[in-house]
């Protein structure tokens, strides 16, 4: 589960426990302003573009620019996570580090992977429930022997769920919530969808051939980061920009499209056709 904070001590402790350092992007800023802030980890592929700075300078800019820090302690699989992101404080709910908590399942209640479970459900509730359902699918498939009938069946269900989720977001949700305030986040989201689709397309060709645990782990990691960014940044912003009735109407349209996709059979079959470029928004 991702968290959000503006507390300096919490941020510094989390970063240093993972061997990281405060940094800024080279060629940004000035002599009095470090410019674009980042966290630098050893071995990070983009570290050549970063230059380390001191914590005092980092936090001075962090507060002056009213930033917040999104971070994750552990991955879904229990490994130490380095996932972090610096975002505008206005874009996140610091009082509730888990946007979408309202849609989480009750103890012992399994979230439905599809829409249409209540007339009052809105688009964000629907998408958040689908996030939880996909997380459970990843957990279930990890328990199965690669190549077994159960593994193949669960992978097919997972691939269909990811395909449906991406389609209803790209065709309905993203275009409907596009505003000047959300455009950058939406472009980032469709780029992340493209990464997921490319790995999923490869898995659709190889999942029958043996152990694809590494590929599934990569797919799970990308999906997890995408979920965090939507629930922590995009969804809170959309709730501020759109009326409750608009979001309920969106949920109805998304439900109808999901039903249509599933009636057609195997939504995952279209994924290999969608790997050339990100979907338009």
Protein backbone atom coordinates (compact mmCIF):
# COMPACT_ATOMS: atom_id res chain seq x y z
CA UNK A 1 0.00 0.00 0.00
CA UNK A 2 1.34 3.42 -0.93
CA UNK A 3 1.54 6.26 1.56
CA UNK A 4 1.76 10.01 1.21
CA UNK A 5 3.65 12.35 3.50
CA UNK A 6 5.22 15.81 3.78
CA UNK A 7 7.14 14.94 6.95
CA UNK A 8 10.86 15.52 6.44
CA UNK A 9 12.04 12.90 8.93
CA UNK A 10 9.84 10.19 7.42
CA UNK A 11 11.08 10.94 3.92
CA UNK A 12 14.76 11.05 4.90
CA UNK A 13 14.53 7.81 6.88
CA UNK A 14 12.75 5.95 4.05
CA UNK A 15 15.28 7.12 1.44
CA UNK A 16 18.40 6.44 3.50
CA UNK A 17 17.21 2.98 4.57
CA UNK A 18 17.26 2.10 0.87
CA UNK A 19 20.66 3.64 0.18
CA UNK A 20 19.19 6.63 -1.63
CA UNK A 21 20.12 10.30 -1.71
CA UNK A 22 18.32 13.58 -2.39
CA UNK A 23 19.08 14.86 -5.89
CA UNK A 24 17.99 17.18 -8.65
CA UNK A 25 17.89 16.84 -12.42
CA UNK A 26 21.00 18.37 -13.96
CA UNK A 27 20.55 21.54 -16.01
CA UNK A 28 17.38 22.48 -14.14
CA UNK A 29 17.09 25.23 -11.57
CA UNK A 30 19.57 27.98 -10.75
CA UNK A 31 22.14 28.93 -8.16
CA UNK A 32 19.34 29.54 -5.65
CA UNK A 33 16.89 26.85 -6.76
CA UNK A 34 17.83 23.19 -7.37
CA UNK A 35 15.06 22.80 -9.95
CA UNK A 36 13.45 19.39 -10.47
CA UNK A 37 13.84 17.22 -7.38
CA UNK A 38 14.41 13.48 -7.47
CA UNK A 39 15.55 10.61 -5.25
CA UNK A 40 18.72 8.96 -6.53
CA UNK A 41 19.38 5.27 -5.92
CA UNK A 42 22.65 3.49 -6.82
CA UNK A 43 22.27 1.64 -10.10
CA UNK A 44 19.25 3.66 -11.20
CA UNK A 45 19.25 3.76 -15.00
CA UNK A 46 18.73 7.52 -15.10
CA UNK A 47 21.27 8.45 -12.46
CA UNK A 48 23.59 10.07 -15.04
CA UNK A 49 21.01 12.84 -15.38
CA UNK A 50 20.90 13.42 -11.62
CA UNK A 51 23.16 15.28 -9.24
CA UNK A 52 23.06 14.73 -5.49
CA UNK A 53 22.21 17.65 -3.20
CA UNK A 54 21.92 18.04 0.57
CA UNK A 55 18.79 17.35 2.54
CA UNK A 56 18.49 20.99 3.66
CA UNK A 57 18.45 22.19 0.07
CA UNK A 58 16.09 19.38 -0.94
CA UNK A 59 13.55 20.11 1.79
CA UNK A 60 13.75 23.87 1.32
CA UNK A 61 12.70 23.40 -2.31
CA UNK A 62 10.25 20.63 -1.35
CA UNK A 63 8.33 22.98 0.97
CA UNK A 64 8.69 26.09 -1.18
CA UNK A 65 7.14 24.27 -4.12
CA UNK A 66 4.49 22.64 -1.91
CA UNK A 67 5.35 19.08 -2.84
CA UNK A 68 4.27 15.81 -1.26
CA UNK A 69 6.07 12.45 -1.25
CA UNK A 70 4.29 9.28 -2.35
CA UNK A 71 6.16 6.13 -1.36
CA UNK A 72 5.74 2.41 -0.78
CA UNK A 73 7.40 0.33 1.95
CA UNK A 74 6.89 -3.09 0.39
CA UNK A 75 5.80 -4.38 -2.99
CA UNK A 76 2.68 -6.47 -3.31
CA UNK A 77 4.94 -9.53 -3.13
CA UNK A 78 6.53 -8.38 0.14
CA UNK A 79 9.87 -7.16 -1.22
CA UNK A 80 11.37 -3.84 -0.17
CA UNK A 81 10.08 -1.17 -2.53
CA UNK A 82 11.85 1.88 -3.90
CA UNK A 83 8.73 3.26 -5.52
CA UNK A 84 8.44 6.99 -4.86
CA UNK A 85 7.08 10.07 -6.55
CA UNK A 86 7.11 13.79 -5.82
CA UNK A 87 3.75 15.43 -6.53
CA UNK A 88 1.97 18.70 -5.84
CA UNK A 89 0.32 18.73 -2.43
CA UNK A 90 -2.84 20.10 -3.98
CA UNK A 91 -3.18 16.92 -6.03
CA UNK A 92 -3.26 14.46 -3.14
CA UNK A 93 -5.31 13.97 -0.01
CA UNK A 94 -2.85 14.14 2.85
CA UNK A 95 -5.58 13.25 5.31
CA UNK A 96 -6.23 9.91 3.59
CA UNK A 97 -3.10 8.32 2.15
CA UNK A 98 -5.18 5.76 0.34
CA UNK A 99 -7.49 7.34 -2.20
CA UNK A 100 -10.01 4.69 -2.98
CA UNK A 101 -10.10 3.35 0.57
CA UNK A 102 -13.85 3.90 0.51
CA UNK A 103 -14.14 1.19 -2.13
CA UNK A 104 -12.07 -1.46 -0.38
CA UNK A 105 -13.70 -4.72 0.45
CA UNK A 106 -15.01 -5.50 3.90
CA UNK A 107 -13.34 -8.28 5.87
CA UNK A 108 -14.11 -11.56 4.17
CA UNK A 109 -15.83 -9.94 1.21
CA UNK A 110 -14.35 -10.66 -2.21
CA UNK A 111 -14.42 -7.64 -4.56
CA UNK A 112 -16.20 -8.20 -7.83
CA UNK A 113 -13.98 -7.84 -10.89
CA UNK A 114 -16.83 -6.36 -12.90
CA UNK A 115 -19.08 -3.36 -12.64
CA UNK A 116 -22.75 -3.00 -11.94
CA UNK A 117 -22.87 -3.85 -8.25
CA UNK A 118 -24.95 -0.88 -7.18
CA UNK A 119 -26.82 2.05 -8.62
CA UNK A 120 -24.83 4.49 -6.46
CA UNK A 121 -21.42 3.29 -7.58
CA UNK A 122 -19.35 5.90 -9.38
CA UNK A 123 -16.55 5.56 -11.91
CA UNK A 124 -13.74 5.86 -9.38
CA UNK A 125 -15.32 3.30 -7.05
CA UNK A 126 -15.64 0.94 -10.00
CA UNK A 127 -12.04 1.30 -11.14
CA UNK A 128 -10.74 0.98 -7.59
CA UNK A 129 -12.68 -2.25 -7.08
CA UNK A 130 -11.17 -3.57 -10.29
CA UNK A 131 -7.71 -2.68 -8.97
CA UNK A 132 -8.35 -4.77 -5.87
CA UNK A 133 -9.68 -7.67 -7.94
CA UNK A 134 -6.58 -7.68 -10.18
CA UNK A 135 -4.33 -7.64 -7.10
CA UNK A 136 -6.11 -10.74 -5.82
CA UNK A 137 -5.68 -12.44 -9.20
CA UNK A 138 -1.94 -11.86 -9.10
CA UNK A 139 -1.83 -13.35 -5.61
CA UNK A 140 -3.85 -16.40 -6.67
CA UNK A 141 -1.80 -17.12 -9.78
CA UNK A 142 1.42 -17.01 -7.74
CA UNK A 143 0.13 -19.97 -5.74
CA UNK A 144 -0.24 -22.18 -8.82
CA UNK A 145 2.37 -24.31 -10.53
CA UNK A 146 3.52 -22.70 -13.81
CA UNK A 147 2.12 -24.60 -16.77
CA UNK A 148 -0.66 -26.24 -14.75
CA UNK A 149 -4.28 -26.05 -15.83
CA UNK A 150 -5.09 -23.81 -12.88
CA UNK A 151 -2.21 -21.47 -13.74
CA UNK A 152 -3.35 -21.21 -17.37
CA UNK A 153 -6.95 -20.59 -16.35
CA UNK A 154 -6.05 -17.89 -13.83
CA UNK A 155 -3.69 -16.21 -16.28
CA UNK A 156 -6.49 -16.06 -18.84
CA UNK A 157 -8.80 -14.44 -16.27
CA UNK A 158 -6.08 -11.97 -15.28
CA UNK A 159 -5.34 -11.06 -18.91
CA UNK A 160 -9.04 -10.51 -19.60
CA UNK A 161 -9.41 -8.35 -16.48
CA UNK A 162 -6.44 -6.17 -17.43
CA UNK A 163 -7.68 -5.86 -21.01
CA UNK A 164 -11.17 -4.82 -19.91
CA UNK A 165 -9.86 -2.38 -17.33
CA UNK A 166 -7.52 -0.68 -19.80
CA UNK A 167 -10.24 -0.47 -22.46
CA UNK A 168 -12.90 1.15 -20.30
CA UNK A 169 -10.36 3.63 -18.99
CA UNK A 170 -9.01 4.52 -22.44
CA UNK A 171 -12.34 4.70 -24.27
CA UNK A 172 -14.52 6.29 -21.60
CA UNK A 173 -12.89 7.35 -18.33
CA UNK A 174 -9.75 9.12 -19.54
CA UNK A 175 -11.43 11.13 -22.33
CA UNK A 176 -14.28 12.07 -20.00
CA UNK A 177 -12.05 13.36 -17.19
CA UNK A 178 -9.55 15.12 -19.45
CA UNK A 179 -8.98 18.68 -18.28
CA UNK A 180 -5.94 20.94 -18.27
CA UNK A 181 -5.40 19.82 -14.65
CA UNK A 182 -5.42 16.11 -15.51
CA UNK A 183 -3.88 15.96 -18.98
CA UNK A 184 -0.30 15.24 -17.86
CA UNK A 185 -1.48 12.46 -15.54
CA UNK A 186 -3.60 10.92 -18.28
CA UNK A 187 -0.72 10.91 -20.76
CA UNK A 188 1.40 9.18 -18.15
CA UNK A 189 -1.38 6.66 -17.56
CA UNK A 190 -1.74 5.63 -21.20
CA UNK A 191 2.05 5.29 -21.45
CA UNK A 192 1.93 2.94 -18.46
CA UNK A 193 -0.91 1.01 -20.09
CA UNK A 194 1.29 0.55 -23.15
CA UNK A 195 4.09 -0.95 -21.06
CA UNK A 196 1.65 -3.35 -19.43
CA UNK A 197 0.14 -4.35 -22.79
CA UNK A 198 3.56 -5.12 -24.28
CA UNK A 199 4.47 -7.47 -21.45
CA UNK A 200 1.01 -9.00 -21.49
CA UNK A 201 1.21 -9.58 -25.25
CA UNK A 202 4.49 -11.46 -24.78
CA UNK A 203 2.99 -13.53 -21.99
CA UNK A 204 0.00 -14.42 -24.12
CA UNK A 205 2.44 -16.10 -26.51
CA UNK A 206 4.65 -17.78 -23.89
CA UNK A 207 2.45 -18.50 -20.86
CA UNK A 208 1.78 -22.05 -22.06
CA UNK A 209 5.48 -22.85 -22.48
CA UNK A 210 6.73 -23.13 -18.91
CA UNK A 211 7.81 -20.94 -16.02
CA UNK A 212 6.96 -17.28 -16.70
CA UNK A 213 7.26 -16.20 -13.07
CA UNK A 214 9.77 -13.44 -13.84
CA UNK A 215 7.57 -11.96 -16.55
CA UNK A 216 4.50 -12.12 -14.31
CA UNK A 217 6.42 -10.42 -11.52
CA UNK A 218 7.39 -7.61 -13.88
CA UNK A 219 3.79 -7.30 -15.03
CA UNK A 220 2.61 -7.19 -11.42
CA UNK A 221 5.15 -4.50 -10.55
CA UNK A 222 4.14 -2.25 -13.44
CA UNK A 223 0.47 -2.75 -12.66
CA UNK A 224 1.05 -1.98 -9.00
CA UNK A 225 2.87 1.29 -9.74
CA UNK A 226 0.13 2.33 -12.17
CA UNK A 227 -2.54 1.63 -9.55
CA UNK A 228 -0.68 3.68 -6.94
CA UNK A 229 -0.36 6.67 -9.23
CA UNK A 230 -4.03 6.56 -10.23
CA UNK A 231 -5.34 6.18 -6.69
CA UNK A 232 -2.96 8.69 -5.14
CA UNK A 233 -2.96 11.38 -7.84
CA UNK A 234 -5.50 11.06 -10.62
CA UNK A 235 -8.57 9.89 -8.73
CA UNK A 236 -8.44 12.56 -5.96
CA UNK A 237 -8.04 15.26 -8.60
CA UNK A 238 -10.96 13.92 -10.66
CA UNK A 239 -13.20 13.90 -7.58
CA UNK A 240 -12.46 17.60 -7.08
CA UNK A 241 -13.14 18.44 -10.72
CA UNK A 242 -16.29 16.42 -11.44
CA UNK A 243 -19.71 16.28 -9.87
CA UNK A 244 -20.88 13.09 -8.18
CA UNK A 245 -23.66 12.59 -10.72
CA UNK A 246 -21.19 12.88 -13.61
CA UNK A 247 -19.08 10.13 -12.07
CA UNK A 248 -22.13 7.90 -11.57
CA UNK A 249 -23.12 8.37 -15.21
CA UNK A 250 -19.58 7.45 -16.26
CA UNK A 251 -19.80 4.25 -14.21
CA UNK A 252 -22.96 3.24 -16.07
CA UNK A 253 -21.29 3.76 -19.45
CA UNK A 254 -18.20 1.86 -18.34
CA UNK A 255 -20.35 -1.00 -17.04
CA UNK A 256 -22.11 -1.27 -20.38
CA UNK A 257 -18.82 -1.36 -22.28
CA UNK A 258 -17.40 -4.00 -19.94
CA UNK A 259 -20.46 -6.19 -20.45
CA UNK A 260 -20.13 -5.82 -24.21
CA UNK A 261 -16.42 -6.72 -24.15
CA UNK A 262 -17.07 -9.82 -22.09
CA UNK A 263 -19.98 -10.93 -24.27
CA UNK A 264 -17.67 -10.82 -27.25
CA UNK A 265 -15.38 -13.30 -25.48
CA UNK A 266 -11.70 -13.23 -24.51
CA UNK A 267 -11.03 -9.46 -24.28
CA UNK A 268 -7.31 -10.30 -24.02
CA UNK A 269 -7.28 -11.31 -27.68
CA UNK A 270 -7.07 -7.65 -28.73
CA UNK A 271 -4.01 -6.82 -26.60
CA UNK A 272 -1.35 -7.74 -29.24
CA UNK A 273 -3.00 -5.25 -31.62
CA UNK A 274 -2.53 -2.40 -29.09
CA UNK A 275 1.22 -2.50 -28.49
CA UNK A 276 2.51 -0.07 -31.13
CA UNK A 277 1.64 3.19 -29.43
CA UNK A 278 -0.20 4.58 -26.45
CA UNK A 279 -3.94 5.04 -26.75
CA UNK A 280 -5.13 8.57 -27.57
CA UNK A 281 -6.93 10.53 -24.87
